[in-house]
Amino acid sequence: MIELTRLNGKTFLLNAELVETIEATPDTTIRLTSGRTYVVKEDCPTVKTAVLNYRRALLQGRDKSPPPGWNVIDSPDESPSE
């Protein structure tokens, strides 16, 4: 999730996995894969950076615990147990 600010000043968390497009029209409008849109105070480069940082953190495994249902393979020689 990334934290953004609505035009009224209230902050909210947005699921970065669902972001489809980010555009300035002139306010920054974020369209999700569901078709829902959000208009936020942050500019496009800021939102883009937040989404990229979120995804980077997932790939780096900061949490060190996989999401439920994921099989973790430590080395290429190992395969998930069946």
PDB file of N, CA and C in Angstrom:
ATOM      1  N   MET A   1       0.839  -1.177   0.000  1.00  0.00           N
ATOM      2  CA  MET A   1       0.000   0.000   0.000  1.00  0.00           C
ATOM      3  C   MET A   1       0.890   1.248   0.000  1.00  0.00           C
ATOM      4  N   ILE A   2       0.408   2.274  -0.673  1.00  0.00           N
ATOM      5  CA  ILE A   2       1.113   3.549  -0.673  1.00  0.00           C
ATOM      6  C   ILE A   2       0.187   4.615  -0.095  1.00  0.00           C
ATOM      7  N   GLU A   3       0.764   5.575   0.615  1.00  0.00           N
ATOM      8  CA  GLU A   3      -0.023   6.635   1.232  1.00  0.00           C
ATOM      9  C   GLU A   3      -0.081   7.835   0.291  1.00  0.00           C
ATOM     10  N   LEU A   4      -1.303   8.298   0.027  1.00  0.00           N
ATOM     11  CA  LEU A   4      -1.527   9.440  -0.850  1.00  0.00           C
ATOM     12  C   LEU A   4      -2.465  10.424  -0.166  1.00  0.00           C
ATOM     13  N   THR A   5      -2.625  11.607  -0.779  1.00  0.00           N
ATOM     14  CA  THR A   5      -3.450  12.661  -0.193  1.00  0.00           C
ATOM     15  C   THR A   5      -4.538  13.075  -1.169  1.00  0.00           C
ATOM     16  N   ARG A   6      -5.771  13.011  -0.695  1.00  0.00           N
ATOM     17  CA  ARG A   6      -6.890  13.496  -1.515  1.00  0.00           C
ATOM     18  C   ARG A   6      -6.811  15.009  -1.625  1.00  0.00           C
ATOM     19  N   LEU A   7      -7.558  15.585  -2.546  1.00  0.00           N
ATOM     20  CA  LEU A   7      -7.541  17.038  -2.728  1.00  0.00           C
ATOM     21  C   LEU A   7      -8.047  17.776  -1.494  1.00  0.00           C
ATOM     22  N   ASN A   8      -8.871  17.111  -0.662  1.00  0.00           N
ATOM     23  CA  ASN A   8      -9.382  17.742   0.556  1.00  0.00           C
ATOM     24  C   ASN A   8      -8.387  17.677   1.714  1.00  0.00           C
ATOM     25  N   GLY A   9      -7.190  17.092   1.464  1.00  0.00           N
ATOM     26  CA  GLY A   9      -6.149  17.039   2.479  1.00  0.00           C
ATOM     27  C   GLY A   9      -6.108  15.756   3.290  1.00  0.00           C
ATOM     28  N   LYS A  10      -7.101  14.897   3.150  1.00  0.00           N
ATOM     29  CA  LYS A  10      -7.123  13.643   3.910  1.00  0.00           C
ATOM     30  C   LYS A  10      -6.239  12.609   3.226  1.00  0.00           C
ATOM     31  N   THR A  11      -5.451  11.906   4.054  1.00  0.00           N
ATOM     32  CA  THR A  11      -4.583  10.864   3.510  1.00  0.00           C
ATOM     33  C   THR A  11      -5.325   9.535   3.481  1.00  0.00           C
ATOM     34  N   PHE A  12      -4.902   8.667   2.572  1.00  0.00           N
ATOM     35  CA  PHE A  12      -5.478   7.333   2.468  1.00  0.00           C
ATOM     36  C   PHE A  12      -4.424   6.394   1.915  1.00  0.00           C
ATOM     37  N   LEU A  13      -4.660   5.104   2.064  1.00  0.00           N
ATOM     38  CA  LEU A  13      -3.746   4.093   1.544  1.00  0.00           C
ATOM     39  C   LEU A  13      -4.351   3.483   0.287  1.00  0.00           C
ATOM     40  N   LEU A  14      -3.521   3.349  -0.731  1.00  0.00           N
ATOM     41  CA  LEU A  14      -3.962   2.812  -2.011  1.00  0.00           C
ATOM     42  C   LEU A  14      -3.184   1.540  -2.306  1.00  0.00           C
ATOM     43  N   ASN A  15      -3.870   0.524  -2.772  1.00  0.00           N
ATOM     44  CA  ASN A  15      -3.227  -0.727  -3.138  1.00  0.00           C
ATOM     45  C   ASN A  15      -2.448  -0.502  -4.434  1.00  0.00           C
ATOM     46  N   ALA A  16      -1.138  -0.432  -4.339  1.00  0.00           N
ATOM     47  CA  ALA A  16      -0.277  -0.137  -5.481  1.00  0.00           C
ATOM     48  C   ALA A  16      -0.312  -1.238  -6.533  1.00  0.00           C
ATOM     49  N   GLU A  17      -0.742  -2.427  -6.157  1.00  0.00           N
ATOM     50  CA  GLU A  17      -0.825  -3.539  -7.105  1.00  0.00           C
ATOM     51  C   GLU A  17      -1.908  -3.305  -8.152  1.00  0.00           C
ATOM     52  N   LEU A  18      -2.869  -2.438  -7.854  1.00  0.00           N
ATOM     53  CA  LEU A  18      -4.010  -2.243  -8.744  1.00  0.00           C
ATOM     54  C   LEU A  18      -3.888  -1.026  -9.652  1.00  0.00           C
ATOM     55  N   VAL A  19      -2.779  -0.280  -9.555  1.00  0.00           N
ATOM     56  CA  VAL A  19      -2.614   0.928 -10.362  1.00  0.00           C
ATOM     57  C   VAL A  19      -2.418   0.537 -11.820  1.00  0.00           C
ATOM     58  N   GLU A  20      -3.276   1.101 -12.674  1.00  0.00           N
ATOM     59  CA  GLU A  20      -3.159   0.849 -14.112  1.00  0.00           C
ATOM     60  C   GLU A  20      -2.543   2.049 -14.828  1.00  0.00           C
ATOM     61  N   THR A  21      -3.053   3.255 -14.526  1.00  0.00           N
ATOM     62  CA  THR A  21      -2.500   4.454 -15.146  1.00  0.00           C
ATOM     63  C   THR A  21      -2.421   5.583 -14.132  1.00  0.00           C
ATOM     64  N   ILE A  22      -1.463   6.482 -14.383  1.00  0.00           N
ATOM     65  CA  ILE A  22      -1.305   7.704 -13.594  1.00  0.00           C
ATOM     66  C   ILE A  22      -1.175   8.828 -14.611  1.00  0.00           C
ATOM     67  N   GLU A  23      -2.035   9.847 -14.507  1.00  0.00           N
ATOM     68  CA  GLU A  23      -1.935  10.948 -15.457  1.00  0.00           C
ATOM     69  C   GLU A  23      -2.277  12.276 -14.809  1.00  0.00           C
ATOM     70  N   ALA A  24      -1.727  13.331 -15.392  1.00  0.00           N
ATOM     71  CA  ALA A  24      -1.998  14.690 -14.919  1.00  0.00           C
ATOM     72  C   ALA A  24      -3.039  15.297 -15.845  1.00  0.00           C
ATOM     73  N   THR A  25      -4.202  15.679 -15.286  1.00  0.00           N
ATOM     74  CA  THR A  25      -5.302  16.154 -16.132  1.00  0.00           C
ATOM     75  C   THR A  25      -6.003  17.408 -15.623  1.00  0.00           C
ATOM     76  N   PRO A  26      -5.527  18.479 -15.090  1.00  0.00           N
ATOM     77  CA  PRO A  26      -4.170  18.732 -14.622  1.00  0.00           C
ATOM     78  C   PRO A  26      -3.898  18.119 -13.259  1.00  0.00           C
ATOM     79  N   ASP A  27      -4.956  17.791 -12.480  1.00  0.00           N
ATOM     80  CA  ASP A  27      -4.708  17.110 -11.204  1.00  0.00           C
ATOM     81  C   ASP A  27      -4.265  15.678 -11.499  1.00  0.00           C
ATOM     82  N   THR A  28      -3.516  15.100 -10.584  1.00  0.00           N
ATOM     83  CA  THR A  28      -3.055  13.729 -10.778  1.00  0.00           C
ATOM     84  C   THR A  28      -4.221  12.777 -10.575  1.00  0.00           C
ATOM     85  N   THR A  29      -4.513  12.012 -11.628  1.00  0.00           N
ATOM     86  CA  THR A  29      -5.603  11.047 -11.597  1.00  0.00           C
ATOM     87  C   THR A  29      -5.019   9.649 -11.725  1.00  0.00           C
ATOM     88  N   ILE A  30      -5.410   8.776 -10.797  1.00  0.00           N
ATOM     89  CA  ILE A  30      -4.933   7.401 -10.788  1.00  0.00           C
ATOM     90  C   ILE A  30      -6.112   6.506 -11.131  1.00  0.00           C
ATOM     91  N   ARG A  31      -5.937   5.695 -12.165  1.00  0.00           N
ATOM     92  CA  ARG A  31      -6.977   4.741 -12.542  1.00  0.00           C
ATOM     93  C   ARG A  31      -6.506   3.349 -12.145  1.00  0.00           C
ATOM     94  N   LEU A  32      -7.386   2.619 -11.467  1.00  0.00           N
ATOM     95  CA  LEU A  32      -7.070   1.262 -11.034  1.00  0.00           C
ATOM     96  C   LEU A  32      -7.569   0.252 -12.061  1.00  0.00           C
ATOM     97  N   THR A  33      -7.104  -0.972 -11.947  1.00  0.00           N
ATOM     98  CA  THR A  33      -7.536  -2.024 -12.862  1.00  0.00           C
ATOM     99  C   THR A  33      -9.032  -2.286 -12.753  1.00  0.00           C
ATOM    100  N   SER A  34      -9.634  -1.915 -11.646  1.00  0.00           N
ATOM    101  CA  SER A  34     -11.076  -2.086 -11.445  1.00  0.00           C
ATOM    102  C   SER A  34     -11.886  -1.012 -12.170  1.00  0.00           C
ATOM    103  N   GLY A  35     -11.197   0.026 -12.683  1.00  0.00           N
ATOM    104  CA  GLY A  35     -11.876   1.136 -13.341  1.00  0.00           C
ATOM    105  C   GLY A  35     -12.110   2.314 -12.419  1.00  0.00           C
ATOM    106  N   ARG A  36     -11.912   2.115 -11.140  1.00  0.00           N
ATOM    107  CA  ARG A  36     -12.094   3.198 -10.170  1.00  0.00           C
ATOM    108  C   ARG A  36     -10.972   4.224 -10.319  1.00  0.00           C
ATOM    109  N   THR A  37     -11.296   5.504 -10.106  1.00  0.00           N
ATOM    110  CA  THR A  37     -10.278   6.546 -10.217  1.00  0.00           C
ATOM    111  C   THR A  37     -10.161   7.318  -8.910  1.00  0.00           C
ATOM    112  N   TYR A  38      -8.958   7.822  -8.676  1.00  0.00           N
ATOM    113  CA  TYR A  38      -8.671   8.661  -7.518  1.00  0.00           C
ATOM    114  C   TYR A  38      -7.931   9.893  -8.012  1.00  0.00           C
ATOM    115  N   VAL A  39      -8.287  11.053  -7.463  1.00  0.00           N
ATOM    116  CA  VAL A  39      -7.586  12.294  -7.758  1.00  0.00           C
ATOM    117  C   VAL A  39      -6.818  12.667  -6.500  1.00  0.00           C
ATOM    118  N   VAL A  40      -5.509  12.898  -6.654  1.00  0.00           N
ATOM    119  CA  VAL A  40      -4.650  13.124  -5.496  1.00  0.00           C
ATOM    120  C   VAL A  40      -3.817  14.396  -5.662  1.00  0.00           C
ATOM    121  N   LYS A  41      -3.297  14.893  -4.530  1.00  0.00           N
ATOM    122  CA  LYS A  41      -2.462  16.098  -4.523  1.00  0.00           C
ATOM    123  C   LYS A  41      -1.067  15.847  -5.088  1.00  0.00           C
ATOM    124  N   GLU A  42      -0.533  14.640  -4.859  1.00  0.00           N
ATOM    125  CA  GLU A  42       0.823  14.326  -5.295  1.00  0.00           C
ATOM    126  C   GLU A  42       0.911  14.390  -6.825  1.00  0.00           C
ATOM    127  N   ASP A  43       2.087  14.794  -7.334  1.00  0.00           N
ATOM    128  CA  ASP A  43       2.257  14.838  -8.784  1.00  0.00           C
ATOM    129  C   ASP A  43       2.569  13.438  -9.318  1.00  0.00           C
ATOM    130  N   CYS A  44       2.518  13.285 -10.646  1.00  0.00           N
ATOM    131  CA  CYS A  44       2.734  11.978 -11.275  1.00  0.00           C
ATOM    132  C   CYS A  44       4.077  11.346 -10.910  1.00  0.00           C
ATOM    133  N   PRO A  45       5.189  12.091 -10.976  1.00  0.00           N
ATOM    134  CA  PRO A  45       6.470  11.463 -10.621  1.00  0.00           C
ATOM    135  C   PRO A  45       6.514  10.959  -9.169  1.00  0.00           C
ATOM    136  N   THR A  46       5.855  11.653  -8.262  1.00  0.00           N
ATOM    137  CA  THR A  46       5.825  11.233  -6.858  1.00  0.00           C
ATOM    138  C   THR A  46       5.047   9.928  -6.704  1.00  0.00           C
ATOM    139  N   VAL A  47       3.905   9.828  -7.375  1.00  0.00           N
ATOM    140  CA  VAL A  47       3.097   8.601  -7.303  1.00  0.00           C
ATOM    141  C   VAL A  47       3.863   7.453  -7.948  1.00  0.00           C
ATOM    142  N   LYS A  48       4.471   7.712  -9.092  1.00  0.00           N
ATOM    143  CA  LYS A  48       5.258   6.683  -9.777  1.00  0.00           C
ATOM    144  C   LYS A  48       6.365   6.166  -8.869  1.00  0.00           C
ATOM    145  N   THR A  49       7.085   7.066  -8.221  1.00  0.00           N
ATOM    146  CA  THR A  49       8.163   6.677  -7.315  1.00  0.00           C
ATOM    147  C   THR A  49       7.632   5.850  -6.152  1.00  0.00           C
ATOM    148  N   ALA A  50       6.486   6.233  -5.607  1.00  0.00           N
ATOM    149  CA  ALA A  50       5.888   5.487  -4.495  1.00  0.00           C
ATOM    150  C   ALA A  50       5.532   4.064  -4.919  1.00  0.00           C
ATOM    151  N   VAL A  51       4.962   3.912  -6.121  1.00  0.00           N
ATOM    152  CA  VAL A  51       4.602   2.582  -6.621  1.00  0.00           C
ATOM    153  C   VAL A  51       5.870   1.757  -6.846  1.00  0.00           C
ATOM    154  N   LEU A  52       6.878   2.358  -7.470  1.00  0.00           N
ATOM    155  CA  LEU A  52       8.128   1.631  -7.713  1.00  0.00           C
ATOM    156  C   LEU A  52       8.820   1.233  -6.415  1.00  0.00           C
ATOM    157  N   ASN A  53       8.834   2.130  -5.429  1.00  0.00           N
ATOM    158  CA  ASN A  53       9.438   1.802  -4.128  1.00  0.00           C
ATOM    159  C   ASN A  53       8.689   0.676  -3.442  1.00  0.00           C
ATOM    160  N   TYR A  54       7.370   0.682  -3.538  1.00  0.00           N
ATOM    161  CA  TYR A  54       6.554  -0.392  -2.967  1.00  0.00           C
ATOM    162  C   TYR A  54       6.945  -1.729  -3.603  1.00  0.00           C
ATOM    163  N   ARG A  55       7.017  -1.754  -4.921  1.00  0.00           N
ATOM    164  CA  ARG A  55       7.341  -3.001  -5.625  1.00  0.00           C
ATOM    165  C   ARG A  55       8.776  -3.445  -5.342  1.00  0.00           C
ATOM    166  N   ARG A  56       9.679  -2.473  -5.252  1.00  0.00           N
ATOM    167  CA  ARG A  56      11.071  -2.785  -4.913  1.00  0.00           C
ATOM    168  C   ARG A  56      11.147  -3.443  -3.529  1.00  0.00           C
ATOM    169  N   ALA A  57      10.402  -2.897  -2.588  1.00  0.00           N
ATOM    170  CA  ALA A  57      10.403  -3.449  -1.227  1.00  0.00           C
ATOM    171  C   ALA A  57       9.890  -4.885  -1.228  1.00  0.00           C
ATOM    172  N   LEU A  58       8.886  -5.159  -2.034  1.00  0.00           N
ATOM    173  CA  LEU A  58       8.383  -6.533  -2.124  1.00  0.00           C
ATOM    174  C   LEU A  58       9.442  -7.469  -2.688  1.00  0.00           C
ATOM    175  N   LEU A  59      10.122  -7.020  -3.726  1.00  0.00           N
ATOM    176  CA  LEU A  59      11.135  -7.865  -4.353  1.00  0.00           C
ATOM    177  C   LEU A  59      12.336  -8.093  -3.448  1.00  0.00           C
ATOM    178  N   GLN A  60      12.664  -7.115  -2.617  1.00  0.00           N
ATOM    179  CA  GLN A  60      13.802  -7.255  -1.709  1.00  0.00           C
ATOM    180  C   GLN A  60      13.457  -8.117  -0.504  1.00  0.00           C
ATOM    181  N   GLY A  61      12.176  -8.383  -0.308  1.00  0.00           N
ATOM    182  CA  GLY A  61      11.765  -9.234   0.796  1.00  0.00           C
ATOM    183  C   GLY A  61      12.013  -8.627   2.151  1.00  0.00           C
ATOM    184  N   ARG A  62      11.734  -7.329   2.300  1.00  0.00           N
ATOM    185  CA  ARG A  62      11.958  -6.655   3.587  1.00  0.00           C
ATOM    186  C   ARG A  62      11.268  -7.378   4.730  1.00  0.00           C
ATOM    187  N   ASP A  63      10.087  -7.891   4.448  1.00  0.00           N
ATOM    188  CA  ASP A  63       9.306  -8.558   5.479  1.00  0.00           C
ATOM    189  C   ASP A  63       9.920  -9.919   5.824  1.00  0.00           C
ATOM    190  N   LYS A  64      10.566 -10.525   4.884  1.00  0.00           N
ATOM    191  CA  LYS A  64      11.204 -11.840   4.998  1.00  0.00           C
ATOM    192  C   LYS A  64      10.190 -12.972   5.136  1.00  0.00           C
ATOM    193  N   SER A  65       8.912 -12.677   5.225  1.00  0.00           N
ATOM    194  CA  SER A  65       7.921 -13.745   5.269  1.00  0.00           C
ATOM    195  C   SER A  65       7.076 -13.659   4.001  1.00  0.00           C
ATOM    196  N   PRO A  66       6.927 -14.776   3.292  1.00  0.00           N
ATOM    197  CA  PRO A  66       6.187 -14.739   2.034  1.00  0.00           C
ATOM    198  C   PRO A  66       4.693 -14.545   2.273  1.00  0.00           C
ATOM    199  N   PRO A  67       4.003 -14.002   1.291  1.00  0.00           N
ATOM    200  CA  PRO A  67       2.550 -13.886   1.420  1.00  0.00           C
ATOM    201  C   PRO A  67       1.929 -15.273   1.557  1.00  0.00           C
ATOM    202  N   PRO A  68       0.766 -15.375   2.177  1.00  0.00           N
ATOM    203  CA  PRO A  68       0.118 -16.682   2.341  1.00  0.00           C
ATOM    204  C   PRO A  68      -0.053 -17.386   0.998  1.00  0.00           C
ATOM    205  N   GLY A  69       0.273 -18.673   0.971  1.00  0.00           N
ATOM    206  CA  GLY A  69       0.096 -19.462  -0.238  1.00  0.00           C
ATOM    207  C   GLY A  69       1.285 -19.465  -1.178  1.00  0.00           C
ATOM    208  N   TRP A  70       2.302 -18.655  -0.899  1.00  0.00           N
ATOM    209  CA  TRP A  70       3.478 -18.621  -1.763  1.00  0.00           C
ATOM    210  C   TRP A  70       4.462 -19.683  -1.315  1.00  0.00           C
ATOM    211  N   ASN A  71       5.050 -20.382  -2.260  1.00  0.00           N
ATOM    212  CA  ASN A  71       6.122 -21.330  -1.971  1.00  0.00           C
ATOM    213  C   ASN A  71       7.432 -20.609  -2.194  1.00  0.00           C
ATOM    214  N   VAL A  72       8.304 -20.650  -1.213  1.00  0.00           N
ATOM    215  CA  VAL A  72       9.591 -19.973  -1.320  1.00  0.00           C
ATOM    216  C   VAL A  72      10.658 -21.005  -1.641  1.00  0.00           C
ATOM    217  N   ILE A  73      11.422 -20.729  -2.688  1.00  0.00           N
ATOM    218  CA  ILE A  73      12.519 -21.607  -3.068  1.00  0.00           C
ATOM    219  C   ILE A  73      13.809 -20.844  -2.817  1.00  0.00           C
ATOM    220  N   ASP A  74      14.650 -21.364  -1.917  1.00  0.00           N
ATOM    221  CA  ASP A  74      15.883 -20.672  -1.548  1.00  0.00           C
ATOM    222  C   ASP A  74      16.974 -20.795  -2.599  1.00  0.00           C
ATOM    223  N   SER A  75      17.021 -21.900  -3.302  1.00  0.00           N
ATOM    224  CA  SER A  75      18.038 -22.068  -4.339  1.00  0.00           C
ATOM    225  C   SER A  75      17.395 -22.684  -5.562  1.00  0.00           C
ATOM    226  N   PRO A  76      17.997 -22.505  -6.724  1.00  0.00           N
ATOM    227  CA  PRO A  76      17.411 -23.050  -7.945  1.00  0.00           C
ATOM    228  C   PRO A  76      17.306 -24.561  -7.939  1.00  0.00           C
ATOM    229  N   ASP A  77      18.097 -25.248  -7.098  1.00  0.00           N
ATOM    230  CA  ASP A  77      18.069 -26.707  -7.069  1.00  0.00           C
ATOM    231  C   ASP A  77      16.899 -27.254  -6.281  1.00  0.00           C
ATOM    232  N   GLU A  78      16.267 -26.404  -5.453  1.00  0.00           N
ATOM    233  CA  GLU A  78      15.151 -26.849  -4.634  1.00  0.00           C
ATOM    234  C   GLU A  78      13.846 -26.638  -5.388  1.00  0.00           C
ATOM    235  N   SER A  79      12.911 -27.512  -5.142  1.00  0.00           N
ATOM    236  CA  SER A  79      11.585 -27.326  -5.732  1.00  0.00           C
ATOM    237  C   SER A  79      10.566 -27.435  -4.597  1.00  0.00           C
ATOM    238  N   PRO A  80       9.405 -26.806  -4.772  1.00  0.00           N
ATOM    239  CA  PRO A  80       8.388 -26.861  -3.712  1.00  0.00           C
ATOM    240  C   PRO A  80       7.944 -28.298  -3.462  1.00  0.00           C
ATOM    241  N   SER A  81       7.697 -28.606  -2.210  1.00  0.00           N
ATOM    242  CA  SER A  81       7.222 -29.957  -1.892  1.00  0.00           C
ATOM    243  C   SER A  81       5.750 -30.071  -2.269  1.00  0.00           C
ATOM    244  N   GLU A  82       5.365 -31.247  -2.701  1.00  0.00           N
ATOM    245  CA  GLU A  82       3.982 -31.442  -3.130  1.00  0.00           C
ATOM    246  C   GLU A  82       3.193 -32.155  -2.075  1.00  0.00           C
TER     247      GLU A  82
END
